[in-house]
Amino acid sequence: MNAEAQPITDRARTLRDLVADIVDELTSFVSTRINLAHAELSESWTACKSAMPFGLVAVAFGAVAWVLFSLAVVCIVSFAFGQNPLKWFFAFLIVAVIWALVAGVCAYFAVHKLRTQGTFPRKTFQVLKADEEWLKHEVRRTA
């Protein structure tokens, strides 16, 4: 009777060890994937931080240039209305509508690009997909 009890406790201890190993492996697996995503996002953020001052200066100068260009286009369009007292109103309105249309088209393409490309970190997603396939393979192999 004592001899039969010994193998049961050995099996229980082995099962306990097996569960502990599985938990350790799962913890390591999740930790590795989280670290991978964090590193990829950190790398992207570092690149954004270094480019931000140049981007802000470019936006400021670009905005000034855009305003001056728009005023020049309005002046040209206003000549088409001759001596009409509302020529400046119509010129500003026409130029504003054209810029709004261009902005709408650009916004459409930007949204379309973001939807097709996605914003989730690609490397992390690819690793997770590969892990999923590996896990399915392992489950099929052991079943």
N, C-alpha and C. Protein backbone atom coordinates (compact mmCIF):
# COMPACT_ATOMS: atom_id res chain seq x y z
N MET A 1 0.82 -1.17 0.00
CA MET A 1 0.00 0.00 0.00
C MET A 1 0.88 1.25 0.00
N ASN A 2 1.95 1.22 0.76
CA ASN A 2 2.87 2.32 0.81
C ASN A 2 3.60 2.48 -0.52
N ALA A 3 3.86 1.33 -1.16
CA ALA A 3 4.55 1.37 -2.45
C ALA A 3 3.67 2.02 -3.51
N GLU A 4 2.35 1.81 -3.41
CA GLU A 4 1.43 2.43 -4.38
C GLU A 4 1.28 3.92 -4.11
N ALA A 5 1.35 4.34 -2.86
CA ALA A 5 1.18 5.75 -2.52
C ALA A 5 2.37 6.58 -3.03
N GLN A 6 3.55 6.00 -3.03
CA GLN A 6 4.74 6.72 -3.46
C GLN A 6 4.66 7.17 -4.93
N PRO A 7 4.30 6.30 -5.86
CA PRO A 7 4.22 6.76 -7.25
C PRO A 7 3.16 7.85 -7.45
N ILE A 8 2.07 7.83 -6.69
CA ILE A 8 1.03 8.85 -6.83
C ILE A 8 1.59 10.22 -6.43
N THR A 9 2.33 10.29 -5.31
CA THR A 9 2.91 11.57 -4.90
C THR A 9 3.98 12.01 -5.89
N ASP A 10 4.73 11.05 -6.47
CA ASP A 10 5.71 11.41 -7.49
C ASP A 10 5.01 12.00 -8.71
N ARG A 11 3.89 11.38 -9.09
CA ARG A 11 3.13 11.91 -10.23
C ARG A 11 2.58 13.29 -9.90
N ALA A 12 2.09 13.47 -8.67
CA ALA A 12 1.54 14.76 -8.27
C ALA A 12 2.64 15.82 -8.28
N ARG A 13 3.79 15.47 -7.77
CA ARG A 13 4.90 16.41 -7.77
C ARG A 13 5.34 16.69 -9.20
N THR A 14 5.37 15.71 -10.04
CA THR A 14 5.75 15.89 -11.44
C THR A 14 4.70 16.76 -12.15
N LEU A 15 3.44 16.53 -11.87
CA LEU A 15 2.38 17.34 -12.45
C LEU A 15 2.51 18.79 -11.96
N ARG A 16 2.80 18.96 -10.69
CA ARG A 16 2.99 20.30 -10.12
C ARG A 16 4.18 20.99 -10.79
N ASP A 17 5.26 20.22 -10.98
CA ASP A 17 6.43 20.77 -11.66
C ASP A 17 6.11 21.13 -13.11
N LEU A 18 5.33 20.28 -13.74
CA LEU A 18 4.94 20.52 -15.13
C LEU A 18 4.10 21.80 -15.24
N VAL A 19 3.15 21.97 -14.34
CA VAL A 19 2.32 23.18 -14.34
C VAL A 19 3.18 24.41 -14.06
N ALA A 20 4.11 24.30 -13.14
CA ALA A 20 5.00 25.42 -12.83
C ALA A 20 5.87 25.76 -14.04
N ASP A 21 6.35 24.74 -14.75
CA ASP A 21 7.14 24.98 -15.96
C ASP A 21 6.30 25.67 -17.04
N ILE A 22 5.07 25.22 -17.19
CA ILE A 22 4.18 25.84 -18.19
C ILE A 22 3.94 27.30 -17.85
N VAL A 23 3.69 27.57 -16.57
CA VAL A 23 3.46 28.96 -16.15
C VAL A 23 4.70 29.80 -16.38
N ASP A 24 5.87 29.25 -16.07
CA ASP A 24 7.12 29.99 -16.32
C ASP A 24 7.32 30.27 -17.80
N GLU A 25 7.08 29.27 -18.63
CA GLU A 25 7.24 29.45 -20.07
C GLU A 25 6.25 30.46 -20.61
N LEU A 26 5.01 30.40 -20.15
CA LEU A 26 3.99 31.34 -20.60
C LEU A 26 4.34 32.76 -20.17
N THR A 27 4.82 32.90 -18.94
CA THR A 27 5.23 34.22 -18.44
C THR A 27 6.39 34.76 -19.27
N SER A 28 7.35 33.92 -19.56
CA SER A 28 8.48 34.33 -20.38
C SER A 28 8.03 34.70 -21.79
N PHE A 29 7.14 33.91 -22.34
CA PHE A 29 6.61 34.15 -23.69
C PHE A 29 5.91 35.51 -23.77
N VAL A 30 5.01 35.77 -22.85
CA VAL A 30 4.26 37.03 -22.85
C VAL A 30 5.21 38.20 -22.59
N SER A 31 6.12 38.02 -21.66
CA SER A 31 7.07 39.09 -21.35
C SER A 31 7.94 39.44 -22.56
N THR A 32 8.37 38.44 -23.30
CA THR A 32 9.18 38.67 -24.49
C THR A 32 8.40 39.45 -25.53
N ARG A 33 7.14 39.08 -25.75
CA ARG A 33 6.32 39.77 -26.75
C ARG A 33 6.03 41.20 -26.34
N ILE A 34 5.79 41.42 -25.07
CA ILE A 34 5.55 42.78 -24.57
C ILE A 34 6.81 43.62 -24.73
N ASN A 35 7.95 43.06 -24.40
CA ASN A 35 9.22 43.78 -24.56
C ASN A 35 9.49 44.12 -26.03
N LEU A 36 9.15 43.20 -26.93
CA LEU A 36 9.33 43.43 -28.36
C LEU A 36 8.46 44.61 -28.82
N ALA A 37 7.19 44.62 -28.43
CA ALA A 37 6.29 45.71 -28.81
C ALA A 37 6.77 47.03 -28.21
N HIS A 38 7.21 46.99 -26.96
CA HIS A 38 7.69 48.20 -26.29
C HIS A 38 8.93 48.75 -27.00
N ALA A 39 9.84 47.87 -27.37
CA ALA A 39 11.07 48.31 -28.05
C ALA A 39 10.74 48.92 -29.41
N GLU A 40 9.82 48.31 -30.13
CA GLU A 40 9.46 48.83 -31.45
C GLU A 40 8.77 50.20 -31.33
N LEU A 41 7.87 50.34 -30.38
CA LEU A 41 7.21 51.63 -30.18
C LEU A 41 8.19 52.68 -29.68
N SER A 42 9.11 52.29 -28.82
CA SER A 42 10.11 53.22 -28.31
C SER A 42 11.02 53.71 -29.44
N GLU A 43 11.38 52.82 -30.33
CA GLU A 43 12.22 53.18 -31.47
C GLU A 43 11.49 54.19 -32.37
N SER A 44 10.21 53.96 -32.59
CA SER A 44 9.42 54.89 -33.42
C SER A 44 9.29 56.24 -32.72
N TRP A 45 9.06 56.23 -31.42
CA TRP A 45 8.91 57.47 -30.68
C TRP A 45 10.21 58.29 -30.70
N THR A 46 11.34 57.62 -30.58
CA THR A 46 12.63 58.31 -30.62
C THR A 46 12.82 59.01 -31.97
N ALA A 47 12.48 58.34 -33.03
CA ALA A 47 12.59 58.95 -34.36
C ALA A 47 11.65 60.15 -34.49
N CYS A 48 10.46 60.04 -33.95
CA CYS A 48 9.51 61.15 -34.01
C CYS A 48 10.01 62.35 -33.20
N LYS A 49 10.57 62.08 -32.02
CA LYS A 49 11.06 63.18 -31.18
C LYS A 49 12.20 63.94 -31.84
N SER A 50 13.08 63.25 -32.54
CA SER A 50 14.20 63.93 -33.16
C SER A 50 13.77 64.72 -34.40
N ALA A 51 12.70 64.31 -35.06
CA ALA A 51 12.23 64.99 -36.26
C ALA A 51 11.24 66.11 -35.95
N MET A 52 10.69 66.14 -34.74
CA MET A 52 9.63 67.07 -34.41
C MET A 52 10.02 68.55 -34.55
N PRO A 53 11.17 69.01 -34.03
CA PRO A 53 11.50 70.43 -34.20
C PRO A 53 11.59 70.86 -35.66
N PHE A 54 12.21 70.05 -36.49
CA PHE A 54 12.30 70.37 -37.91
C PHE A 54 10.91 70.39 -38.55
N GLY A 55 10.07 69.48 -38.13
CA GLY A 55 8.71 69.43 -38.67
C GLY A 55 7.91 70.67 -38.28
N LEU A 56 8.06 71.13 -37.05
CA LEU A 56 7.34 72.32 -36.61
C LEU A 56 7.80 73.56 -37.36
N VAL A 57 9.11 73.70 -37.57
CA VAL A 57 9.63 74.84 -38.34
C VAL A 57 9.13 74.77 -39.78
N ALA A 58 9.13 73.57 -40.34
CA ALA A 58 8.65 73.40 -41.72
C ALA A 58 7.18 73.77 -41.82
N VAL A 59 6.38 73.38 -40.85
CA VAL A 59 4.95 73.72 -40.86
C VAL A 59 4.76 75.23 -40.75
N ALA A 60 5.52 75.89 -39.87
CA ALA A 60 5.38 77.34 -39.69
C ALA A 60 5.72 78.08 -40.99
N PHE A 61 6.87 77.76 -41.59
CA PHE A 61 7.26 78.43 -42.83
C PHE A 61 6.33 78.05 -43.98
N GLY A 62 5.91 76.83 -43.99
CA GLY A 62 4.96 76.40 -45.02
C GLY A 62 3.62 77.13 -44.90
N ALA A 63 3.15 77.36 -43.68
CA ALA A 63 1.90 78.09 -43.48
C ALA A 63 2.01 79.53 -43.96
N VAL A 64 3.12 80.18 -43.66
CA VAL A 64 3.33 81.56 -44.12
C VAL A 64 3.38 81.59 -45.65
N ALA A 65 4.11 80.66 -46.24
CA ALA A 65 4.20 80.60 -47.70
C ALA A 65 2.83 80.34 -48.31
N TRP A 66 2.07 79.49 -47.68
CA TRP A 66 0.73 79.16 -48.18
C TRP A 66 -0.19 80.38 -48.15
N VAL A 67 -0.14 81.14 -47.08
CA VAL A 67 -0.96 82.35 -46.98
C VAL A 67 -0.58 83.35 -48.06
N LEU A 68 0.71 83.56 -48.24
CA LEU A 68 1.17 84.50 -49.27
C LEU A 68 0.79 84.01 -50.68
N PHE A 69 0.93 82.74 -50.92
CA PHE A 69 0.54 82.17 -52.21
C PHE A 69 -0.96 82.34 -52.43
N SER A 70 -1.74 82.07 -51.40
CA SER A 70 -3.20 82.21 -51.51
C SER A 70 -3.59 83.65 -51.81
N LEU A 71 -2.93 84.60 -51.16
CA LEU A 71 -3.23 86.01 -51.44
C LEU A 71 -2.87 86.37 -52.88
N ALA A 72 -1.78 85.83 -53.38
CA ALA A 72 -1.40 86.08 -54.77
C ALA A 72 -2.44 85.50 -55.73
N VAL A 73 -2.92 84.29 -55.45
CA VAL A 73 -3.95 83.67 -56.31
C VAL A 73 -5.24 84.49 -56.24
N VAL A 74 -5.60 84.97 -55.06
CA VAL A 74 -6.81 85.79 -54.91
C VAL A 74 -6.68 87.06 -55.73
N CYS A 75 -5.52 87.68 -55.71
CA CYS A 75 -5.30 88.90 -56.51
C CYS A 75 -5.49 88.61 -57.99
N ILE A 76 -4.96 87.49 -58.46
CA ILE A 76 -5.09 87.13 -59.87
C ILE A 76 -6.55 86.86 -60.23
N VAL A 77 -7.26 86.12 -59.36
CA VAL A 77 -8.67 85.82 -59.62
C VAL A 77 -9.51 87.09 -59.59
N SER A 78 -9.17 88.05 -58.71
CA SER A 78 -9.96 89.28 -58.60
C SER A 78 -9.91 90.10 -59.89
N PHE A 79 -8.84 89.98 -60.67
CA PHE A 79 -8.75 90.70 -61.94
C PHE A 79 -9.80 90.21 -62.93
N ALA A 80 -10.26 88.97 -62.77
CA ALA A 80 -11.26 88.43 -63.69
C ALA A 80 -12.61 89.11 -63.52
N PHE A 81 -12.84 89.73 -62.38
CA PHE A 81 -14.14 90.36 -62.13
C PHE A 81 -14.13 91.86 -62.45
N GLY A 82 -13.06 92.37 -62.95
CA GLY A 82 -12.98 93.77 -63.39
C GLY A 82 -13.30 94.77 -62.30
N GLN A 83 -14.33 95.61 -62.55
CA GLN A 83 -14.68 96.68 -61.61
C GLN A 83 -15.83 96.29 -60.68
N ASN A 84 -16.19 95.04 -60.61
CA ASN A 84 -17.27 94.59 -59.72
C ASN A 84 -16.90 94.91 -58.27
N PRO A 85 -17.82 95.53 -57.51
CA PRO A 85 -17.49 95.88 -56.12
C PRO A 85 -17.28 94.65 -55.23
N LEU A 86 -17.79 93.50 -55.64
CA LEU A 86 -17.63 92.28 -54.84
C LEU A 86 -16.51 91.38 -55.39
N LYS A 87 -15.63 91.94 -56.19
CA LYS A 87 -14.60 91.11 -56.82
C LYS A 87 -13.69 90.43 -55.79
N TRP A 88 -13.36 91.11 -54.70
CA TRP A 88 -12.49 90.49 -53.68
C TRP A 88 -13.24 89.38 -52.96
N PHE A 89 -14.52 89.58 -52.68
CA PHE A 89 -15.32 88.53 -52.03
C PHE A 89 -15.35 87.28 -52.90
N PHE A 90 -15.68 87.44 -54.19
CA PHE A 90 -15.75 86.29 -55.09
C PHE A 90 -14.39 85.63 -55.26
N ALA A 91 -13.33 86.42 -55.33
CA ALA A 91 -11.99 85.86 -55.49
C ALA A 91 -11.61 85.02 -54.27
N PHE A 92 -11.85 85.56 -53.06
CA PHE A 92 -11.55 84.79 -51.85
C PHE A 92 -12.41 83.53 -51.77
N LEU A 93 -13.67 83.64 -52.15
CA LEU A 93 -14.58 82.49 -52.10
C LEU A 93 -14.12 81.40 -53.07
N ILE A 94 -13.78 81.77 -54.26
CA ILE A 94 -13.34 80.79 -55.27
C ILE A 94 -12.06 80.09 -54.80
N VAL A 95 -11.09 80.85 -54.33
CA VAL A 95 -9.84 80.25 -53.87
C VAL A 95 -10.08 79.36 -52.65
N ALA A 96 -10.95 79.79 -51.74
CA ALA A 96 -11.25 78.97 -50.55
C ALA A 96 -11.90 77.65 -50.94
N VAL A 97 -12.80 77.66 -51.89
CA VAL A 97 -13.46 76.43 -52.34
C VAL A 97 -12.43 75.50 -52.99
N ILE A 98 -11.56 76.05 -53.81
CA ILE A 98 -10.53 75.21 -54.45
C ILE A 98 -9.63 74.58 -53.40
N TRP A 99 -9.18 75.35 -52.41
CA TRP A 99 -8.31 74.80 -51.36
C TRP A 99 -9.06 73.76 -50.53
N ALA A 100 -10.35 74.00 -50.28
CA ALA A 100 -11.13 73.02 -49.51
C ALA A 100 -11.26 71.70 -50.27
N LEU A 101 -11.44 71.78 -51.58
CA LEU A 101 -11.50 70.56 -52.38
C LEU A 101 -10.17 69.81 -52.36
N VAL A 102 -9.08 70.54 -52.52
CA VAL A 102 -7.76 69.91 -52.47
C VAL A 102 -7.53 69.27 -51.09
N ALA A 103 -7.92 69.97 -50.04
CA ALA A 103 -7.76 69.43 -48.68
C ALA A 103 -8.60 68.18 -48.49
N GLY A 104 -9.81 68.18 -49.02
CA GLY A 104 -10.67 66.99 -48.92
C GLY A 104 -10.09 65.79 -49.62
N VAL A 105 -9.55 66.01 -50.82
CA VAL A 105 -8.93 64.90 -51.56
C VAL A 105 -7.71 64.37 -50.81
N CYS A 106 -6.88 65.28 -50.30
CA CYS A 106 -5.69 64.86 -49.54
C CYS A 106 -6.09 64.11 -48.27
N ALA A 107 -7.12 64.59 -47.57
CA ALA A 107 -7.58 63.91 -46.36
C ALA A 107 -8.10 62.51 -46.69
N TYR A 108 -8.81 62.40 -47.80
CA TYR A 108 -9.30 61.08 -48.21
C TYR A 108 -8.14 60.11 -48.42
N PHE A 109 -7.11 60.56 -49.15
CA PHE A 109 -5.97 59.69 -49.42
C PHE A 109 -5.20 59.36 -48.13
N ALA A 110 -5.11 60.30 -47.21
CA ALA A 110 -4.42 60.05 -45.94
C ALA A 110 -5.17 59.00 -45.13
N VAL A 111 -6.48 59.13 -45.03
CA VAL A 111 -7.28 58.15 -44.28
C VAL A 111 -7.20 56.79 -44.95
N HIS A 112 -7.27 56.77 -46.26
CA HIS A 112 -7.17 55.51 -46.99
C HIS A 112 -5.83 54.83 -46.74
N LYS A 113 -4.76 55.61 -46.76
CA LYS A 113 -3.41 55.06 -46.52
C LYS A 113 -3.30 54.48 -45.11
N LEU A 114 -3.83 55.21 -44.11
CA LEU A 114 -3.78 54.72 -42.73
C LEU A 114 -4.60 53.45 -42.56
N ARG A 115 -5.73 53.37 -43.23
CA ARG A 115 -6.55 52.16 -43.11
C ARG A 115 -5.90 50.96 -43.75
N THR A 116 -5.25 51.17 -44.90
CA THR A 116 -4.63 50.02 -45.57
C THR A 116 -3.32 49.62 -44.92
N GLN A 117 -2.58 50.61 -44.40
CA GLN A 117 -1.28 50.29 -43.81
C GLN A 117 -1.41 49.89 -42.35
N GLY A 118 -2.33 50.48 -41.62
CA GLY A 118 -2.51 50.16 -40.22
C GLY A 118 -1.52 50.91 -39.34
N THR A 119 -1.83 50.92 -38.06
CA THR A 119 -0.97 51.63 -37.11
C THR A 119 -0.37 50.71 -36.06
N PHE A 120 -0.72 49.43 -36.08
CA PHE A 120 -0.19 48.48 -35.12
C PHE A 120 1.25 48.14 -35.50
N PRO A 121 2.13 47.97 -34.54
CA PRO A 121 3.52 47.62 -34.87
C PRO A 121 3.59 46.34 -35.70
N ARG A 122 4.17 46.43 -36.87
CA ARG A 122 4.17 45.31 -37.82
C ARG A 122 5.01 44.13 -37.36
N LYS A 123 6.21 44.39 -36.86
CA LYS A 123 7.09 43.29 -36.46
C LYS A 123 6.45 42.47 -35.34
N THR A 124 5.90 43.17 -34.37
CA THR A 124 5.26 42.47 -33.26
C THR A 124 4.09 41.64 -33.76
N PHE A 125 3.29 42.20 -34.66
CA PHE A 125 2.15 41.48 -35.19
C PHE A 125 2.60 40.24 -35.96
N GLN A 126 3.68 40.36 -36.75
CA GLN A 126 4.19 39.22 -37.49
C GLN A 126 4.69 38.12 -36.56
N VAL A 127 5.37 38.52 -35.49
CA VAL A 127 5.87 37.53 -34.52
C VAL A 127 4.70 36.84 -33.84
N LEU A 128 3.68 37.59 -33.47
CA LEU A 128 2.51 36.99 -32.83
C LEU A 128 1.79 36.04 -33.78
N LYS A 129 1.70 36.39 -35.05
CA LYS A 129 1.08 35.49 -36.03
C LYS A 129 1.89 34.20 -36.17
N ALA A 130 3.22 34.33 -36.20
CA ALA A 130 4.07 33.14 -36.30
C ALA A 130 3.93 32.28 -35.05
N ASP A 131 3.83 32.92 -33.89
CA ASP A 131 3.62 32.17 -32.65
C ASP A 131 2.29 31.44 -32.67
N GLU A 132 1.28 32.08 -33.21
CA GLU A 132 -0.04 31.45 -33.29
C GLU A 132 0.02 30.21 -34.17
N GLU A 133 0.68 30.33 -35.33
CA GLU A 133 0.82 29.18 -36.22
C GLU A 133 1.62 28.06 -35.57
N TRP A 134 2.70 28.42 -34.89
CA TRP A 134 3.51 27.42 -34.21
C TRP A 134 2.69 26.70 -33.14
N LEU A 135 1.91 27.47 -32.39
CA LEU A 135 1.09 26.88 -31.32
C LEU A 135 0.04 25.95 -31.91
N LYS A 136 -0.59 26.33 -33.01
CA LYS A 136 -1.57 25.44 -33.66
C LYS A 136 -0.90 24.17 -34.11
N HIS A 137 0.29 24.28 -34.68
CA HIS A 137 1.04 23.12 -35.14
C HIS A 137 1.36 22.19 -33.98
N GLU A 138 1.80 22.77 -32.85
CA GLU A 138 2.15 21.97 -31.68
C GLU A 138 0.93 21.26 -31.10
N VAL A 139 -0.21 21.95 -31.10
CA VAL A 139 -1.43 21.34 -30.58
C VAL A 139 -1.87 20.18 -31.47
N ARG A 140 -1.78 20.37 -32.78
CA ARG A 140 -2.15 19.29 -33.70
C ARG A 140 -1.18 18.11 -33.57
N ARG A 141 0.09 18.42 -33.35
CA ARG A 141 1.10 17.36 -33.27
C ARG A 141 0.91 16.53 -32.00
N THR A 142 0.56 17.16 -30.90
CA THR A 142 0.41 16.43 -29.64
C THR A 142 -0.95 15.79 -29.50
N ALA A 143 -1.92 16.23 -30.29
CA ALA A 143 -3.28 15.66 -30.17
C ALA A 143 -3.43 14.38 -30.91
